[in-house]
Amino acid sequence: MSNAMPLLSSVCSFAALKTEEQIQKRKGDSCALCGSQRRLFEPTVLYCNGACGMQRIRRNASYYTDPSKQNHWCTSCYVLLKDGEPVALDDGSEISKSSLQKFKNDALPEEAWVQCDDCHEWVHQICALFNGRRNKTAVAYTCPSCYVKKKSGEGEKNEEMQVVKCAKDLPQCTMSNAIETGVEKALAKKYEEKAKELKVNVDQIDKADGISIRVVSNMERQHHVRDEVRSIYQLIMIIPLMIVLYALSCSSLWMISHSLDLYPTCTLLLFVDAQAL
């Protein structure tokens, strides 16, 4: 009886979630496909392009950005900018300090919506596999539910028409093919290891079928490395070299002084060498 209680609790929780989802759908306040209201993404991480060297801008902190919102400055670095000098952007263009806009780092990206032209219900674009960037102009849209009803004639359920589109129907590219092939090879290796462990045939191992990997977003950007960031990395590369040279110089001076019994001279030379470095 005790083992059945967690299972019963899970079933009740799932039933409660499904009931809440159906209530939200009837109210019209949620997506007609998934039943959720707002689909929020992880907040975008902003990095300062100023003198602090690409430091992360804290959440709920004020920052300044250009009109295209591609370059950002924290409050401390914004104060260091001079009014009369142009501010260089990542794309090579320049802008004045007065043109920078002040914002607060508290935005929560939300999934966009699209309305069905037949039932007039609202659905998330990601739930409907609707590409809002490609369909920026006013285009007719039919949600999957209405599409199935149209294709089934009088609204009868057609099992073959339940899934309108899935991952394997999306276009492929070199990256998606490479990742999908790699995953399949890795899974095949794990299946063989599991079969050897259980001492059974590979065909008797439960496999994950229907794995499809597609690239839905791939953007290329040319980022301009600023002088502040470049100087930091140059310093990081120089410090180990300075330590090696200092160690070699100390070793050489100690060998010379020890052979000539010039301990005070050695101490003076080491001090001068360290100051030079």
C-alpha atoms as a PDB file:
ATOM      1  CA  MET A   1       0.000   0.000   0.000  1.00  0.00           C
ATOM      2  CA  SER A   2       2.862   2.366   0.836  1.00  0.00           C
ATOM      3  CA  ASN A   3       4.413   1.851  -2.608  1.00  0.00           C
ATOM      4  CA  ALA A   4       1.176   2.786  -4.320  1.00  0.00           C
ATOM      5  CA  MET A   5       0.852   6.146  -2.549  1.00  0.00           C
ATOM      6  CA  PRO A   6       3.580   8.017  -4.532  1.00  0.00           C
ATOM      7  CA  LEU A   7       2.162   6.698  -7.795  1.00  0.00           C
ATOM      8  CA  LEU A   8      -1.349   7.755  -6.813  1.00  0.00           C
ATOM      9  CA  SER A   9      -0.062  11.184  -5.820  1.00  0.00           C
ATOM     10  CA  SER A  10       1.707  11.596  -9.180  1.00  0.00           C
ATOM     11  CA  VAL A  11      -1.451  10.593 -11.060  1.00  0.00           C
ATOM     12  CA  CYS A  12      -3.529  13.084  -9.072  1.00  0.00           C
ATOM     13  CA  SER A  13      -1.007  15.870  -9.700  1.00  0.00           C
ATOM     14  CA  PHE A  14      -0.962  15.145 -13.427  1.00  0.00           C
ATOM     15  CA  ALA A  15      -4.768  15.107 -13.528  1.00  0.00           C
ATOM     16  CA  ALA A  16      -4.867  18.448 -11.703  1.00  0.00           C
ATOM     17  CA  LEU A  17      -2.448  19.978 -14.208  1.00  0.00           C
ATOM     18  CA  LYS A  18      -4.512  18.694 -17.145  1.00  0.00           C
ATOM     19  CA  THR A  19      -7.677  20.076 -15.568  1.00  0.00           C
ATOM     20  CA  GLU A  20      -6.039  23.487 -15.036  1.00  0.00           C
ATOM     21  CA  GLU A  21      -4.815  23.434 -18.614  1.00  0.00           C
ATOM     22  CA  GLN A  22      -8.315  22.729 -19.938  1.00  0.00           C
ATOM     23  CA  ILE A  23      -9.761  25.537 -17.797  1.00  0.00           C
ATOM     24  CA  GLN A  24      -7.185  28.006 -19.151  1.00  0.00           C
ATOM     25  CA  LYS A  25      -7.944  26.926 -22.709  1.00  0.00           C
ATOM     26  CA  ARG A  26     -11.670  27.483 -22.196  1.00  0.00           C
ATOM     27  CA  LYS A  27     -11.015  30.943 -20.790  1.00  0.00           C
ATOM     28  CA  GLY A  28      -9.033  31.875 -23.867  1.00  0.00           C
ATOM     29  CA  ASP A  29      -6.151  33.229 -21.769  1.00  0.00           C
ATOM     30  CA  SER A  30      -3.654  30.590 -22.837  1.00  0.00           C
ATOM     31  CA  CYS A  31      -2.205  28.912 -25.892  1.00  0.00           C
ATOM     32  CA  ALA A  32      -4.774  26.730 -27.652  1.00  0.00           C
ATOM     33  CA  LEU A  33      -2.117  24.059 -28.225  1.00  0.00           C
ATOM     34  CA  CYS A  34      -0.062  23.779 -25.022  1.00  0.00           C
ATOM     35  CA  GLY A  35      -2.445  25.384 -22.503  1.00  0.00           C
ATOM     36  CA  SER A  36       0.253  27.635 -21.046  1.00  0.00           C
ATOM     37  CA  GLN A  37      -0.007  31.394 -20.838  1.00  0.00           C
ATOM     38  CA  ARG A  38       3.391  33.091 -21.013  1.00  0.00           C
ATOM     39  CA  ARG A  39       6.433  31.180 -22.216  1.00  0.00           C
ATOM     40  CA  LEU A  40       9.443  33.002 -20.823  1.00  0.00           C
ATOM     41  CA  PHE A  41      13.020  32.458 -21.939  1.00  0.00           C
ATOM     42  CA  GLU A  42      16.199  32.791 -19.921  1.00  0.00           C
ATOM     43  CA  PRO A  43      17.217  36.477 -19.631  1.00  0.00           C
ATOM     44  CA  THR A  44      19.850  37.587 -22.093  1.00  0.00           C
ATOM     45  CA  VAL A  45      23.295  37.973 -20.518  1.00  0.00           C
ATOM     46  CA  LEU A  46      24.673  41.449 -21.210  1.00  0.00           C
ATOM     47  CA  TYR A  47      28.385  42.264 -21.212  1.00  0.00           C
ATOM     48  CA  CYS A  48      29.899  45.719 -20.925  1.00  0.00           C
ATOM     49  CA  ASN A  49      31.833  46.988 -23.960  1.00  0.00           C
ATOM     50  CA  GLY A  50      33.587  49.654 -21.931  1.00  0.00           C
ATOM     51  CA  ALA A  51      36.830  49.966 -19.989  1.00  0.00           C
ATOM     52  CA  CYS A  52      35.934  47.207 -17.495  1.00  0.00           C
ATOM     53  CA  GLY A  53      36.699  44.636 -20.188  1.00  0.00           C
ATOM     54  CA  MET A  54      33.480  42.722 -21.000  1.00  0.00           C
ATOM     55  CA  GLN A  55      32.330  42.402 -17.408  1.00  0.00           C
ATOM     56  CA  ARG A  56      28.842  40.987 -16.936  1.00  0.00           C
ATOM     57  CA  ILE A  57      26.114  43.570 -16.278  1.00  0.00           C
ATOM     58  CA  ARG A  58      24.138  42.560 -13.173  1.00  0.00           C
ATOM     59  CA  ARG A  59      20.431  41.872 -13.285  1.00  0.00           C
ATOM     60  CA  ASN A  60      18.186  44.839 -12.387  1.00  0.00           C
ATOM     61  CA  ALA A  61      21.158  47.196 -12.837  1.00  0.00           C
ATOM     62  CA  SER A  62      21.068  50.225 -15.136  1.00  0.00           C
ATOM     63  CA  TYR A  63      23.108  50.237 -18.335  1.00  0.00           C
ATOM     64  CA  TYR A  64      23.456  52.230 -21.556  1.00  0.00           C
ATOM     65  CA  THR A  65      23.151  50.944 -25.114  1.00  0.00           C
ATOM     66  CA  ASP A  66      23.185  52.185 -28.705  1.00  0.00           C
ATOM     67  CA  PRO A  67      19.967  52.438 -30.781  1.00  0.00           C
ATOM     68  CA  SER A  68      20.584  48.980 -32.296  1.00  0.00           C
ATOM     69  CA  LYS A  69      21.045  47.486 -28.793  1.00  0.00           C
ATOM     70  CA  GLN A  70      24.192  45.627 -29.866  1.00  0.00           C
ATOM     71  CA  ASN A  71      26.686  47.453 -27.627  1.00  0.00           C
ATOM     72  CA  HIS A  72      26.302  48.000 -23.899  1.00  0.00           C
ATOM     73  CA  TRP A  73      28.028  50.007 -21.184  1.00  0.00           C
ATOM     74  CA  CYS A  74      27.663  49.694 -17.444  1.00  0.00           C
ATOM     75  CA  THR A  75      27.128  52.845 -15.379  1.00  0.00           C
ATOM     76  CA  SER A  76      30.794  53.071 -14.333  1.00  0.00           C
ATOM     77  CA  CYS A  77      32.112  52.806 -17.895  1.00  0.00           C
ATOM     78  CA  TYR A  78      29.477  55.228 -19.171  1.00  0.00           C
ATOM     79  CA  VAL A  79      30.783  57.888 -16.771  1.00  0.00           C
ATOM     80  CA  LEU A  80      34.294  57.410 -18.190  1.00  0.00           C
ATOM     81  CA  LEU A  81      33.120  58.199 -21.727  1.00  0.00           C
ATOM     82  CA  LYS A  82      33.938  61.779 -22.781  1.00  0.00           C
ATOM     83  CA  ASP A  83      31.182  63.973 -24.189  1.00  0.00           C
ATOM     84  CA  GLY A  84      33.198  65.375 -27.082  1.00  0.00           C
ATOM     85  CA  GLU A  85      34.762  62.122 -28.284  1.00  0.00           C
ATOM     86  CA  PRO A  86      32.921  59.618 -30.540  1.00  0.00           C
ATOM     87  CA  VAL A  87      32.182  56.163 -29.140  1.00  0.00           C
ATOM     88  CA  ALA A  88      33.302  53.238 -31.325  1.00  0.00           C
ATOM     89  CA  LEU A  89      30.821  50.395 -31.908  1.00  0.00           C
ATOM     90  CA  ASP A  90      31.468  46.746 -32.756  1.00  0.00           C
ATOM     91  CA  ASP A  91      30.495  47.203 -36.407  1.00  0.00           C
ATOM     92  CA  GLY A  92      33.150  49.913 -36.887  1.00  0.00           C
ATOM     93  CA  SER A  93      30.755  52.858 -36.816  1.00  0.00           C
ATOM     94  CA  GLU A  94      30.808  55.659 -34.269  1.00  0.00           C
ATOM     95  CA  ILE A  95      28.181  57.316 -32.107  1.00  0.00           C
ATOM     96  CA  SER A  96      28.091  60.184 -29.660  1.00  0.00           C
ATOM     97  CA  LYS A  97      27.699  59.652 -25.938  1.00  0.00           C
ATOM     98  CA  SER A  98      24.465  61.667 -25.901  1.00  0.00           C
ATOM     99  CA  SER A  99      22.896  59.162 -28.349  1.00  0.00           C
ATOM    100  CA  LEU A 100      23.232  56.252 -25.927  1.00  0.00           C
ATOM    101  CA  GLN A 101      20.001  55.165 -24.283  1.00  0.00           C
ATOM    102  CA  LYS A 102      19.568  54.166 -20.650  1.00  0.00           C
ATOM    103  CA  PHE A 103      17.791  50.898 -19.762  1.00  0.00           C
ATOM    104  CA  LYS A 104      17.378  48.567 -16.825  1.00  0.00           C
ATOM    105  CA  ASN A 105      18.573  44.981 -17.093  1.00  0.00           C
ATOM    106  CA  ASP A 106      15.274  43.436 -16.011  1.00  0.00           C
ATOM    107  CA  ALA A 107      13.768  42.312 -19.339  1.00  0.00           C
ATOM    108  CA  LEU A 108      12.250  38.811 -19.613  1.00  0.00           C
ATOM    109  CA  PRO A 109      12.057  37.594 -23.230  1.00  0.00           C
ATOM    110  CA  GLU A 110       8.670  36.085 -24.033  1.00  0.00           C
ATOM    111  CA  GLU A 111       7.605  33.781 -26.855  1.00  0.00           C
ATOM    112  CA  ALA A 112       5.579  35.590 -29.527  1.00  0.00           C
ATOM    113  CA  TRP A 113       1.983  34.719 -30.410  1.00  0.00           C
ATOM    114  CA  VAL A 114       0.077  34.147 -33.663  1.00  0.00           C
ATOM    115  CA  GLN A 115      -3.697  34.065 -34.196  1.00  0.00           C
ATOM    116  CA  CYS A 116      -5.497  31.442 -36.250  1.00  0.00           C
ATOM    117  CA  ASP A 117      -7.581  32.975 -39.049  1.00  0.00           C
ATOM    118  CA  ASP A 118     -10.199  30.197 -38.775  1.00  0.00           C
ATOM    119  CA  CYS A 119     -10.941  29.696 -35.070  1.00  0.00           C
ATOM    120  CA  HIS A 120      -9.360  33.027 -33.989  1.00  0.00           C
ATOM    121  CA  GLU A 121      -7.516  31.303 -31.147  1.00  0.00           C
ATOM    122  CA  TRP A 122      -4.058  32.480 -30.109  1.00  0.00           C
ATOM    123  CA  VAL A 123      -1.139  30.055 -29.995  1.00  0.00           C
ATOM    124  CA  HIS A 124       2.561  30.354 -29.287  1.00  0.00           C
ATOM    125  CA  GLN A 125       4.643  30.588 -32.434  1.00  0.00           C
ATOM    126  CA  ILE A 126       6.973  27.871 -31.151  1.00  0.00           C
ATOM    127  CA  CYS A 127       4.029  25.548 -30.443  1.00  0.00           C
ATOM    128  CA  ALA A 128       2.660  26.066 -33.948  1.00  0.00           C
ATOM    129  CA  LEU A 129       6.108  25.886 -35.664  1.00  0.00           C
ATOM    130  CA  PHE A 130       5.351  29.356 -37.040  1.00  0.00           C
ATOM    131  CA  ASN A 131       8.364  31.368 -38.201  1.00  0.00           C
ATOM    132  CA  GLY A 132       7.638  34.942 -37.231  1.00  0.00           C
ATOM    133  CA  ARG A 133      10.832  36.298 -38.821  1.00  0.00           C
ATOM    134  CA  ARG A 134      10.069  34.796 -42.217  1.00  0.00           C
ATOM    135  CA  ASN A 135       6.376  35.740 -42.091  1.00  0.00           C
ATOM    136  CA  LYS A 136       6.699  39.372 -41.061  1.00  0.00           C
ATOM    137  CA  THR A 137       3.980  40.535 -43.438  1.00  0.00           C
ATOM    138  CA  ALA A 138       0.281  39.783 -42.995  1.00  0.00           C
ATOM    139  CA  VAL A 139      -0.137  36.146 -44.035  1.00  0.00           C
ATOM    140  CA  ALA A 140      -2.998  33.723 -43.512  1.00  0.00           C
ATOM    141  CA  TYR A 141      -2.390  31.192 -40.752  1.00  0.00           C
ATOM    142  CA  THR A 142      -4.298  28.051 -39.800  1.00  0.00           C
ATOM    143  CA  CYS A 143      -3.584  26.335 -36.486  1.00  0.00           C
ATOM    144  CA  PRO A 144      -2.959  22.557 -36.440  1.00  0.00           C
ATOM    145  CA  SER A 145      -6.402  21.843 -34.942  1.00  0.00           C
ATOM    146  CA  CYS A 146      -8.238  23.632 -37.742  1.00  0.00           C
ATOM    147  CA  TYR A 147      -5.927  22.109 -40.321  1.00  0.00           C
ATOM    148  CA  VAL A 148      -6.817  18.603 -39.125  1.00  0.00           C
ATOM    149  CA  LYS A 149     -10.535  19.423 -39.207  1.00  0.00           C
ATOM    150  CA  LYS A 150     -10.281  20.709 -42.771  1.00  0.00           C
ATOM    151  CA  LYS A 151      -8.382  17.686 -44.004  1.00  0.00           C
ATOM    152  CA  SER A 152     -10.614  15.199 -42.221  1.00  0.00           C
ATOM    153  CA  GLY A 153     -13.744  16.441 -43.982  1.00  0.00           C
ATOM    154  CA  GLU A 154     -16.442  16.786 -41.337  1.00  0.00           C
ATOM    155  CA  GLY A 155     -14.182  17.000 -38.320  1.00  0.00           C
ATOM    156  CA  GLU A 156     -13.655  13.250 -37.914  1.00  0.00           C
ATOM    157  CA  LYS A 157     -10.364  12.308 -36.325  1.00  0.00           C
ATOM    158  CA  ASN A 158      -7.780  11.005 -38.694  1.00  0.00           C
ATOM    159  CA  GLU A 159      -4.873   9.321 -36.942  1.00  0.00           C
ATOM    160  CA  GLU A 160      -2.500  10.027 -39.821  1.00  0.00           C
ATOM    161  CA  MET A 161      -3.322  13.726 -39.725  1.00  0.00           C
ATOM    162  CA  GLN A 162      -2.814  14.293 -35.987  1.00  0.00           C
ATOM    163  CA  VAL A 163       0.804  15.384 -36.396  1.00  0.00           C
ATOM    164  CA  VAL A 164       1.053  18.106 -39.011  1.00  0.00           C
ATOM    165  CA  LYS A 165       4.775  18.729 -38.719  1.00  0.00           C
ATOM    166  CA  CYS A 166       7.552  17.308 -36.620  1.00  0.00           C
ATOM    167  CA  ALA A 167      11.303  17.727 -36.326  1.00  0.00           C
ATOM    168  CA  LYS A 168      12.151  15.398 -39.210  1.00  0.00           C
ATOM    169  CA  ASP A 169      10.040  17.556 -41.567  1.00  0.00           C
ATOM    170  CA  LEU A 170      12.223  20.618 -40.951  1.00  0.00           C
ATOM    171  CA  PRO A 171      15.041  21.350 -43.436  1.00  0.00           C
ATOM    172  CA  GLN A 172      18.450  19.810 -42.764  1.00  0.00           C
ATOM    173  CA  CYS A 173      21.898  21.382 -42.935  1.00  0.00           C
ATOM    174  CA  THR A 174      25.511  20.266 -42.566  1.00  0.00           C
ATOM    175  CA  MET A 175      25.564  21.027 -38.841  1.00  0.00           C
ATOM    176  CA  SER A 176      22.335  19.149 -38.042  1.00  0.00           C
ATOM    177  CA  ASN A 177      23.452  16.135 -40.095  1.00  0.00           C
ATOM    178  CA  ALA A 178      26.818  16.031 -38.308  1.00  0.00           C
ATOM    179  CA  ILE A 179      25.244  16.290 -34.831  1.00  0.00           C
ATOM    180  CA  GLU A 180      22.540  13.741 -35.622  1.00  0.00           C
ATOM    181  CA  THR A 181      25.083  11.269 -37.025  1.00  0.00           C
ATOM    182  CA  GLY A 182      27.300  11.714 -33.975  1.00  0.00           C
ATOM    183  CA  VAL A 183      24.383  11.103 -31.600  1.00  0.00           C
ATOM    184  CA  GLU A 184      23.352   7.974 -33.498  1.00  0.00           C
ATOM    185  CA  LYS A 185      26.898   6.575 -33.355  1.00  0.00           C
ATOM    186  CA  ALA A 186      27.174   7.353 -29.634  1.00  0.00           C
ATOM    187  CA  LEU A 187      23.824   5.653 -28.957  1.00  0.00           C
ATOM    188  CA  ALA A 188      24.807   2.599 -31.010  1.00  0.00           C
ATOM    189  CA  LYS A 189      27.975   2.275 -28.932  1.00  0.00           C
ATOM    190  CA  LYS A 190      25.985   2.517 -25.692  1.00  0.00           C
ATOM    191  CA  TYR A 191      23.529  -0.116 -26.961  1.00  0.00           C
ATOM    192  CA  GLU A 192      26.400  -2.523 -27.593  1.00  0.00           C
ATOM    193  CA  GLU A 193      27.893  -1.873 -24.157  1.00  0.00           C
ATOM    194  CA  LYS A 194      24.496  -2.450 -22.531  1.00  0.00           C
ATOM    195  CA  ALA A 195      24.017  -5.691 -24.488  1.00  0.00           C
ATOM    196  CA  LYS A 196      27.426  -6.972 -23.363  1.00  0.00           C
ATOM    197  CA  GLU A 197      26.634  -6.026 -19.787  1.00  0.00           C
ATOM    198  CA  LEU A 198      23.309  -7.886 -19.842  1.00  0.00           C
ATOM    199  CA  LYS A 199      24.734 -10.675 -22.055  1.00  0.00           C
ATOM    200  CA  VAL A 200      21.930 -10.372 -24.590  1.00  0.00           C
ATOM    201  CA  ASN A 201      21.636  -9.545 -28.250  1.00  0.00           C
ATOM    202  CA  VAL A 202      21.704  -5.876 -29.282  1.00  0.00           C
ATOM    203  CA  ASP A 203      18.256  -6.281 -30.854  1.00  0.00           C
ATOM    204  CA  GLN A 204      16.823  -6.997 -27.403  1.00  0.00           C
ATOM    205  CA  ILE A 205      17.954  -3.630 -26.003  1.00  0.00           C
ATOM    206  CA  ASP A 206      15.346  -0.875 -25.827  1.00  0.00           C
ATOM    207  CA  LYS A 207      16.370   1.905 -28.204  1.00  0.00           C
ATOM    208  CA  ALA A 208      15.437   5.543 -28.580  1.00  0.00           C
ATOM    209  CA  ASP A 209      13.829   5.700 -32.006  1.00  0.00           C
ATOM    210  CA  GLY A 210      12.860   8.721 -34.051  1.00  0.00           C
ATOM    211  CA  ILE A 211      15.666  11.053 -32.961  1.00  0.00           C
ATOM    212  CA  SER A 212      15.795  14.081 -35.271  1.00  0.00           C
ATOM    213  CA  ILE A 213      18.130  17.020 -34.764  1.00  0.00           C
ATOM    214  CA  ARG A 214      17.626  20.260 -36.682  1.00  0.00           C
ATOM    215  CA  VAL A 215      19.219  23.708 -36.480  1.00  0.00           C
ATOM    216  CA  VAL A 216      16.451  26.293 -36.074  1.00  0.00           C
ATOM    217  CA  SER A 217      18.687  29.336 -35.542  1.00  0.00           C
ATOM    218  CA  ASN A 218      22.249  30.006 -36.658  1.00  0.00           C
ATOM    219  CA  MET A 219      23.588  33.563 -36.779  1.00  0.00           C
ATOM    220  CA  GLU A 220      27.043  34.753 -37.775  1.00  0.00           C
ATOM    221  CA  ARG A 221      28.390  37.971 -36.256  1.00  0.00           C
ATOM    222  CA  GLN A 222      31.678  39.760 -36.571  1.00  0.00           C
ATOM    223  CA  HIS A 223      32.718  41.017 -33.147  1.00  0.00           C
ATOM    224  CA  HIS A 224      35.213  43.842 -32.813  1.00  0.00           C
ATOM    225  CA  VAL A 225      37.736  43.251 -30.019  1.00  0.00           C
ATOM    226  CA  ARG A 226      38.305  46.477 -28.151  1.00  0.00           C
ATOM    227  CA  ASP A 227      41.683  47.784 -27.017  1.00  0.00           C
ATOM    228  CA  GLU A 228      40.842  47.236 -23.341  1.00  0.00           C
ATOM    229  CA  VAL A 229      40.100  43.537 -23.837  1.00  0.00           C
ATOM    230  CA  ARG A 230      43.119  43.078 -26.099  1.00  0.00           C
ATOM    231  CA  SER A 231      45.429  44.652 -23.521  1.00  0.00           C
ATOM    232  CA  ILE A 232      44.113  42.311 -20.802  1.00  0.00           C
ATOM    233  CA  TYR A 233      44.820  39.206 -22.890  1.00  0.00           C
ATOM    234  CA  GLN A 234      48.240  40.518 -23.893  1.00  0.00           C
ATOM    235  CA  LEU A 235      49.065  41.034 -20.211  1.00  0.00           C
ATOM    236  CA  ILE A 236      47.900  37.501 -19.408  1.00  0.00           C
ATOM    237  CA  MET A 237      50.204  36.116 -22.109  1.00  0.00           C
ATOM    238  CA  ILE A 238      53.182  38.243 -21.009  1.00  0.00           C
ATOM    239  CA  ILE A 239      53.076  37.433 -17.266  1.00  0.00           C
ATOM    240  CA  PRO A 240      54.125  33.738 -17.621  1.00  0.00           C
ATOM    241  CA  LEU A 241      56.964  34.777 -19.933  1.00  0.00           C
ATOM    242  CA  MET A 242      58.134  37.365 -17.398  1.00  0.00           C
ATOM    243  CA  ILE A 243      58.129  34.743 -14.637  1.00  0.00           C
ATOM    244  CA  VAL A 244      60.225  32.337 -16.747  1.00  0.00           C
ATOM    245  CA  LEU A 245      62.735  35.051 -17.674  1.00  0.00           C
ATOM    246  CA  TYR A 246      62.988  36.180 -14.071  1.00  0.00           C
ATOM    247  CA  ALA A 247      63.605  32.610 -12.888  1.00  0.00           C
ATOM    248  CA  LEU A 248      66.301  32.091 -15.524  1.00  0.00           C
ATOM    249  CA  SER A 249      68.009  35.382 -14.645  1.00  0.00           C
ATOM    250  CA  CYS A 250      67.964  34.561 -10.939  1.00  0.00           C
ATOM    251  CA  SER A 251      69.489  31.147 -11.595  1.00  0.00           C
ATOM    252  CA  SER A 252      72.232  32.577 -13.817  1.00  0.00           C
ATOM    253  CA  LEU A 253      73.149  35.348 -11.360  1.00  0.00           C
ATOM    254  CA  TRP A 254      73.252  32.908  -8.442  1.00  0.00           C
ATOM    255  CA  MET A 255      75.644  30.595 -10.310  1.00  0.00           C
ATOM    256  CA  ILE A 256      77.996  33.497 -11.157  1.00  0.00           C
ATOM    257  CA  SER A 257      77.948  34.976  -7.662  1.00  0.00           C
ATOM    258  CA  HIS A 258      78.427  31.611  -6.004  1.00  0.00           C
ATOM    259  CA  SER A 259      81.523  30.866  -8.102  1.00  0.00           C
ATOM    260  CA  LEU A 260      83.045  34.314  -7.313  1.00  0.00           C
ATOM    261  CA  ASP A 261      81.778  34.570  -3.713  1.00  0.00           C
ATOM    262  CA  LEU A 262      79.975  37.854  -4.501  1.00  0.00           C
ATOM    263  CA  TYR A 263      76.862  37.456  -2.364  1.00  0.00           C
ATOM    264  CA  PRO A 264      76.188  41.206  -1.806  1.00  0.00           C
ATOM    265  CA  THR A 265      76.593  41.910  -5.547  1.00  0.00           C
ATOM    266  CA  CYS A 266      74.202  39.092  -6.361  1.00  0.00           C
ATOM    267  CA  THR A 267      71.552  40.550  -4.059  1.00  0.00           C
ATOM    268  CA  LEU A 268      71.885  43.980  -5.673  1.00  0.00           C
ATOM    269  CA  LEU A 269      71.712  42.601  -9.214  1.00  0.00           C
ATOM    270  CA  LEU A 270      68.637  40.525  -8.437  1.00  0.00           C
ATOM    271  CA  PHE A 271      66.897  43.582  -7.033  1.00  0.00           C
ATOM    272  CA  VAL A 272      67.731  45.632 -10.130  1.00  0.00           C
ATOM    273  CA  ASP A 273      66.568  42.796 -12.401  1.00  0.00           C
ATOM    274  CA  ALA A 274      63.251  42.496 -10.606  1.00  0.00           C
ATOM    275  CA  GLN A 275      62.668  46.239 -10.841  1.00  0.00           C
ATOM    276  CA  ALA A 276      63.386  46.148 -14.580  1.00  0.00           C
ATOM    277  CA  LEU A 277      60.821  43.400 -15.108  1.00  0.00           C
END
